[in-house]
């Protein structure tokens, strides 16, 4: 068995929840592991790892599973700037206080 990447506890819990939620979504759709794995282009073992929250699975495999379940839309919003409150606050702190414009000479 491969050693899982050491992630902070909150990150591991998040992976486990996302994996569990993915499994629940598959079951709600009454789709077999074989069918979802085939549609996602991954092995059944990889799908099992995703559903168990295994951190060694590639993001690409995870995204393929979400796509095959018709759940990819919300994933596009994860790092969107409109949801990045900390990043926007930091950016605003570094905005210039004044903006200097070039003076143009008037032609008389």
N, C-alpha and C. Protein backbone atom coordinates (compact mmCIF):
# COMPACT_ATOMS: atom_id res chain seq x y z
N UNK A 1 0.84 -1.18 0.00
CA UNK A 1 0.00 0.00 0.00
C UNK A 1 0.89 1.24 0.00
N UNK A 2 0.53 2.24 -0.81
CA UNK A 2 1.30 3.48 -0.89
C UNK A 2 1.08 4.33 0.35
N UNK A 3 2.14 5.02 0.75
CA UNK A 3 2.04 5.94 1.88
C UNK A 3 1.30 7.19 1.40
N UNK A 4 0.29 7.59 2.16
CA UNK A 4 -0.46 8.79 1.80
C UNK A 4 0.36 10.03 2.12
N UNK A 5 0.16 11.05 1.31
CA UNK A 5 0.80 12.33 1.54
C UNK A 5 0.35 12.86 2.89
N UNK A 6 1.31 13.39 3.65
CA UNK A 6 0.98 13.95 4.96
C UNK A 6 0.34 15.33 4.77
N UNK A 7 -0.91 15.40 5.05
CA UNK A 7 -1.65 16.65 4.96
C UNK A 7 -2.09 17.06 6.37
N UNK A 8 -2.33 18.33 6.58
CA UNK A 8 -2.89 18.74 7.86
C UNK A 8 -4.23 18.04 8.10
N UNK A 9 -4.55 17.81 9.35
CA UNK A 9 -5.76 17.09 9.70
C UNK A 9 -7.02 17.68 9.05
N UNK A 10 -7.22 19.02 9.05
CA UNK A 10 -8.42 19.55 8.39
C UNK A 10 -8.47 19.20 6.89
N UNK A 11 -7.32 19.17 6.23
CA UNK A 11 -7.29 18.83 4.81
C UNK A 11 -7.65 17.36 4.60
N UNK A 12 -7.14 16.49 5.46
CA UNK A 12 -7.48 15.06 5.35
C UNK A 12 -8.97 14.84 5.60
N UNK A 13 -9.51 15.54 6.59
CA UNK A 13 -10.95 15.41 6.87
C UNK A 13 -11.78 15.89 5.68
N UNK A 14 -11.32 16.96 5.05
CA UNK A 14 -12.02 17.48 3.87
C UNK A 14 -12.00 16.45 2.75
N UNK A 15 -10.84 15.83 2.52
CA UNK A 15 -10.75 14.80 1.48
C UNK A 15 -11.68 13.63 1.78
N UNK A 16 -11.76 13.22 3.05
CA UNK A 16 -12.65 12.12 3.42
C UNK A 16 -14.11 12.51 3.19
N UNK A 17 -14.47 13.74 3.53
CA UNK A 17 -15.85 14.19 3.32
C UNK A 17 -16.19 14.26 1.83
N UNK A 18 -15.28 14.83 1.05
CA UNK A 18 -15.52 14.95 -0.39
C UNK A 18 -15.63 13.55 -1.01
N UNK A 19 -14.78 12.64 -0.58
CA UNK A 19 -14.86 11.27 -1.08
C UNK A 19 -16.17 10.61 -0.72
N UNK A 20 -16.58 10.78 0.52
CA UNK A 20 -17.85 10.21 0.98
C UNK A 20 -19.03 10.83 0.23
N UNK A 21 -18.98 12.14 0.04
CA UNK A 21 -20.05 12.82 -0.70
C UNK A 21 -20.10 12.35 -2.15
N UNK A 22 -18.94 12.09 -2.73
CA UNK A 22 -18.87 11.59 -4.11
C UNK A 22 -19.51 10.20 -4.18
N UNK A 23 -19.21 9.37 -3.21
CA UNK A 23 -19.81 8.03 -3.16
C UNK A 23 -21.33 8.15 -3.03
N UNK A 24 -21.78 9.01 -2.13
CA UNK A 24 -23.22 9.21 -1.95
C UNK A 24 -23.89 9.68 -3.23
N UNK A 25 -23.23 10.58 -3.96
CA UNK A 25 -23.78 11.08 -5.23
C UNK A 25 -23.90 9.95 -6.24
N UNK A 26 -22.88 9.08 -6.29
CA UNK A 26 -22.93 7.94 -7.20
C UNK A 26 -24.08 7.02 -6.84
N UNK A 27 -24.24 6.76 -5.55
CA UNK A 27 -25.32 5.87 -5.11
C UNK A 27 -26.70 6.48 -5.34
N UNK A 28 -26.83 7.79 -5.11
CA UNK A 28 -28.12 8.46 -5.39
C UNK A 28 -28.51 8.32 -6.85
N UNK A 29 -27.51 8.30 -7.72
CA UNK A 29 -27.77 8.16 -9.16
C UNK A 29 -27.93 6.69 -9.57
N UNK A 30 -27.75 5.80 -8.59
CA UNK A 30 -27.85 4.36 -8.81
C UNK A 30 -26.88 3.89 -9.90
N UNK A 31 -25.65 4.40 -9.81
CA UNK A 31 -24.61 4.02 -10.76
C UNK A 31 -23.61 3.10 -10.08
N UNK A 32 -23.20 2.08 -10.79
CA UNK A 32 -22.22 1.14 -10.24
C UNK A 32 -20.82 1.74 -10.29
N UNK A 33 -19.94 1.21 -9.46
CA UNK A 33 -18.54 1.64 -9.48
C UNK A 33 -17.93 1.38 -10.85
N UNK A 34 -18.27 0.24 -11.43
CA UNK A 34 -17.72 -0.12 -12.74
C UNK A 34 -18.08 0.92 -13.80
N UNK A 35 -19.35 1.33 -13.80
CA UNK A 35 -19.81 2.28 -14.81
C UNK A 35 -19.17 3.65 -14.63
N UNK A 36 -19.12 4.15 -13.40
CA UNK A 36 -18.53 5.47 -13.15
C UNK A 36 -17.04 5.44 -13.46
N UNK A 37 -16.35 4.38 -13.06
CA UNK A 37 -14.92 4.27 -13.34
C UNK A 37 -14.67 4.24 -14.85
N UNK A 38 -15.49 3.50 -15.56
CA UNK A 38 -15.35 3.43 -17.02
C UNK A 38 -15.57 4.80 -17.66
N UNK A 39 -16.63 5.48 -17.25
CA UNK A 39 -16.94 6.81 -17.80
C UNK A 39 -15.83 7.82 -17.48
N UNK A 40 -15.23 7.68 -16.31
CA UNK A 40 -14.18 8.60 -15.88
C UNK A 40 -12.82 8.22 -16.45
N UNK A 41 -12.71 7.04 -17.04
CA UNK A 41 -11.44 6.60 -17.61
C UNK A 41 -10.42 6.21 -16.55
N UNK A 42 -10.90 5.69 -15.43
CA UNK A 42 -10.02 5.27 -14.35
C UNK A 42 -10.38 3.85 -13.94
N UNK A 43 -9.55 3.25 -13.11
CA UNK A 43 -9.85 1.90 -12.63
C UNK A 43 -10.83 1.97 -11.47
N UNK A 44 -11.43 0.83 -11.21
CA UNK A 44 -12.35 0.74 -10.08
C UNK A 44 -11.60 0.97 -8.77
N UNK A 45 -10.36 0.51 -8.71
CA UNK A 45 -9.55 0.71 -7.51
C UNK A 45 -9.30 2.19 -7.26
N UNK A 46 -9.07 2.96 -8.32
CA UNK A 46 -8.86 4.40 -8.17
C UNK A 46 -10.14 5.08 -7.70
N UNK A 47 -11.27 4.66 -8.23
CA UNK A 47 -12.55 5.21 -7.78
C UNK A 47 -12.76 4.91 -6.30
N UNK A 48 -12.41 3.70 -5.89
CA UNK A 48 -12.54 3.34 -4.48
C UNK A 48 -11.67 4.26 -3.62
N UNK A 49 -10.45 4.55 -4.08
CA UNK A 49 -9.56 5.46 -3.35
C UNK A 49 -10.18 6.86 -3.25
N UNK A 50 -10.75 7.33 -4.34
CA UNK A 50 -11.40 8.65 -4.33
C UNK A 50 -12.52 8.67 -3.31
N UNK A 51 -13.36 7.66 -3.33
CA UNK A 51 -14.50 7.60 -2.42
C UNK A 51 -14.06 7.43 -0.96
N UNK A 52 -12.86 6.92 -0.74
CA UNK A 52 -12.33 6.76 0.62
C UNK A 52 -11.53 7.98 1.07
N UNK A 53 -11.38 8.97 0.19
CA UNK A 53 -10.66 10.18 0.56
C UNK A 53 -9.16 10.03 0.53
N UNK A 54 -8.66 9.09 -0.23
CA UNK A 54 -7.22 8.85 -0.35
C UNK A 54 -6.55 10.06 -1.00
N UNK A 55 -5.55 10.62 -0.34
CA UNK A 55 -4.89 11.82 -0.83
C UNK A 55 -3.88 11.56 -1.94
N UNK A 56 -3.63 10.30 -2.27
CA UNK A 56 -2.65 10.01 -3.31
C UNK A 56 -3.25 10.03 -4.72
N UNK A 57 -4.55 10.15 -4.82
CA UNK A 57 -5.22 10.15 -6.13
C UNK A 57 -5.04 11.52 -6.79
N UNK A 58 -4.80 11.51 -8.09
CA UNK A 58 -4.58 12.76 -8.81
C UNK A 58 -5.87 13.59 -8.89
N UNK A 59 -5.67 14.89 -8.96
CA UNK A 59 -6.81 15.79 -9.11
C UNK A 59 -7.54 15.50 -10.42
N UNK A 60 -6.79 15.14 -11.45
CA UNK A 60 -7.41 14.83 -12.74
C UNK A 60 -8.39 13.68 -12.65
N UNK A 61 -8.03 12.64 -11.90
CA UNK A 61 -8.93 11.50 -11.72
C UNK A 61 -10.19 11.92 -10.97
N UNK A 62 -10.00 12.72 -9.94
CA UNK A 62 -11.13 13.19 -9.17
C UNK A 62 -12.08 14.03 -10.03
N UNK A 63 -11.52 14.94 -10.82
CA UNK A 63 -12.32 15.80 -11.69
C UNK A 63 -13.06 14.95 -12.72
N UNK A 64 -12.42 13.91 -13.24
CA UNK A 64 -13.08 13.02 -14.20
C UNK A 64 -14.30 12.35 -13.59
N UNK A 65 -14.18 11.96 -12.33
CA UNK A 65 -15.33 11.33 -11.65
C UNK A 65 -16.45 12.35 -11.47
N UNK A 66 -16.12 13.55 -11.02
CA UNK A 66 -17.15 14.58 -10.88
C UNK A 66 -17.83 14.87 -12.22
N UNK A 67 -17.04 14.91 -13.28
CA UNK A 67 -17.62 15.15 -14.61
C UNK A 67 -18.57 14.01 -14.97
N UNK A 68 -18.17 12.78 -14.72
CA UNK A 68 -19.02 11.65 -15.08
C UNK A 68 -20.30 11.61 -14.26
N UNK A 69 -20.29 12.27 -13.08
CA UNK A 69 -21.50 12.36 -12.26
C UNK A 69 -22.31 13.62 -12.56
N UNK A 70 -21.81 14.46 -13.47
CA UNK A 70 -22.51 15.70 -13.81
C UNK A 70 -22.40 16.75 -12.72
N UNK A 71 -21.28 16.74 -11.97
CA UNK A 71 -21.12 17.63 -10.82
C UNK A 71 -19.91 18.56 -10.94
N UNK A 72 -19.46 18.83 -12.14
CA UNK A 72 -18.23 19.60 -12.30
C UNK A 72 -18.43 21.11 -12.21
N UNK A 73 -19.62 21.60 -12.39
CA UNK A 73 -19.86 23.04 -12.45
C UNK A 73 -19.36 23.79 -11.21
N UNK A 74 -19.68 23.31 -10.03
CA UNK A 74 -19.28 24.02 -8.81
C UNK A 74 -17.78 23.98 -8.58
N UNK A 75 -17.12 22.99 -9.12
CA UNK A 75 -15.67 22.88 -8.96
C UNK A 75 -14.95 24.06 -9.59
N UNK A 76 -15.52 24.62 -10.64
CA UNK A 76 -14.89 25.75 -11.34
C UNK A 76 -14.85 27.00 -10.48
N UNK A 77 -15.63 27.07 -9.44
CA UNK A 77 -15.72 28.25 -8.59
C UNK A 77 -14.79 28.21 -7.38
N UNK A 78 -14.11 27.12 -7.15
CA UNK A 78 -13.33 26.95 -5.91
C UNK A 78 -12.33 28.07 -5.68
N UNK A 79 -11.49 28.37 -6.64
CA UNK A 79 -10.45 29.38 -6.45
C UNK A 79 -10.78 30.69 -7.15
N UNK A 80 -12.02 30.89 -7.52
CA UNK A 80 -12.44 32.11 -8.20
C UNK A 80 -12.16 33.33 -7.32
N UNK A 81 -11.66 34.39 -7.91
CA UNK A 81 -11.30 35.60 -7.16
C UNK A 81 -12.49 36.20 -6.41
N UNK A 82 -13.68 36.03 -6.92
CA UNK A 82 -14.85 36.60 -6.24
C UNK A 82 -15.11 35.94 -4.89
N UNK A 83 -14.56 34.76 -4.65
CA UNK A 83 -14.72 34.06 -3.38
C UNK A 83 -13.48 34.17 -2.49
N UNK A 84 -12.44 34.84 -2.96
CA UNK A 84 -11.17 34.92 -2.24
C UNK A 84 -11.10 36.21 -1.42
N UNK A 85 -11.76 36.20 -0.28
CA UNK A 85 -11.84 37.41 0.55
C UNK A 85 -10.47 37.83 1.06
N UNK A 86 -9.67 36.89 1.51
CA UNK A 86 -8.34 37.23 2.03
C UNK A 86 -7.47 37.82 0.93
N UNK A 87 -7.48 37.21 -0.22
CA UNK A 87 -6.68 37.71 -1.34
C UNK A 87 -7.09 39.11 -1.76
N UNK A 88 -8.39 39.36 -1.79
CA UNK A 88 -8.86 40.69 -2.17
C UNK A 88 -8.49 41.73 -1.12
N UNK A 89 -8.56 41.38 0.16
CA UNK A 89 -8.18 42.32 1.22
C UNK A 89 -6.70 42.65 1.12
N UNK A 90 -5.87 41.64 0.89
CA UNK A 90 -4.43 41.88 0.75
C UNK A 90 -4.14 42.76 -0.46
N UNK A 91 -4.85 42.52 -1.54
CA UNK A 91 -4.66 43.31 -2.75
C UNK A 91 -5.05 44.77 -2.49
N UNK A 92 -6.14 44.99 -1.79
CA UNK A 92 -6.60 46.36 -1.50
C UNK A 92 -5.62 47.11 -0.60
N UNK A 93 -4.92 46.41 0.28
CA UNK A 93 -3.93 47.05 1.15
C UNK A 93 -2.77 47.64 0.36
N UNK A 94 -2.52 47.09 -0.81
CA UNK A 94 -1.38 47.53 -1.61
C UNK A 94 -1.77 48.43 -2.77
N UNK A 95 -3.00 48.91 -2.78
CA UNK A 95 -3.41 49.84 -3.81
C UNK A 95 -2.76 51.19 -3.54
N UNK A 96 -2.38 51.90 -4.58
CA UNK A 96 -1.76 53.21 -4.36
C UNK A 96 -2.77 54.19 -3.76
N UNK A 97 -2.26 55.09 -2.92
CA UNK A 97 -3.12 56.09 -2.29
C UNK A 97 -3.53 57.16 -3.30
N UNK A 98 -2.60 57.49 -4.17
CA UNK A 98 -2.87 58.49 -5.21
C UNK A 98 -2.43 57.93 -6.55
N UNK A 99 -3.07 58.43 -7.54
CA UNK A 99 -2.66 58.08 -8.90
C UNK A 99 -2.24 59.37 -9.57
N UNK A 100 -1.01 59.41 -10.02
CA UNK A 100 -0.48 60.59 -10.68
C UNK A 100 -0.67 60.45 -12.19
N UNK A 101 -1.19 61.48 -12.77
CA UNK A 101 -1.35 61.49 -14.22
C UNK A 101 -0.33 62.43 -14.82
N UNK A 102 0.04 62.15 -16.02
CA UNK A 102 0.99 63.02 -16.71
C UNK A 102 0.28 64.31 -17.11
N UNK A 103 0.96 65.40 -16.90
CA UNK A 103 0.40 66.68 -17.33
C UNK A 103 0.75 66.88 -18.79
N UNK A 104 -0.23 67.29 -19.52
CA UNK A 104 0.02 67.54 -20.92
C UNK A 104 0.19 69.03 -21.16
N UNK A 105 1.03 69.37 -22.10
CA UNK A 105 1.26 70.77 -22.42
C UNK A 105 0.12 71.28 -23.28
N UNK A 106 -0.34 72.45 -22.96
CA UNK A 106 -1.41 73.05 -23.77
C UNK A 106 -0.77 73.78 -24.94
N UNK A 107 -1.33 73.58 -26.08
CA UNK A 107 -0.84 74.27 -27.28
C UNK A 107 -1.59 75.60 -27.41
N UNK A 108 -0.85 76.68 -27.43
CA UNK A 108 -1.46 78.01 -27.52
C UNK A 108 -1.35 78.56 -28.90
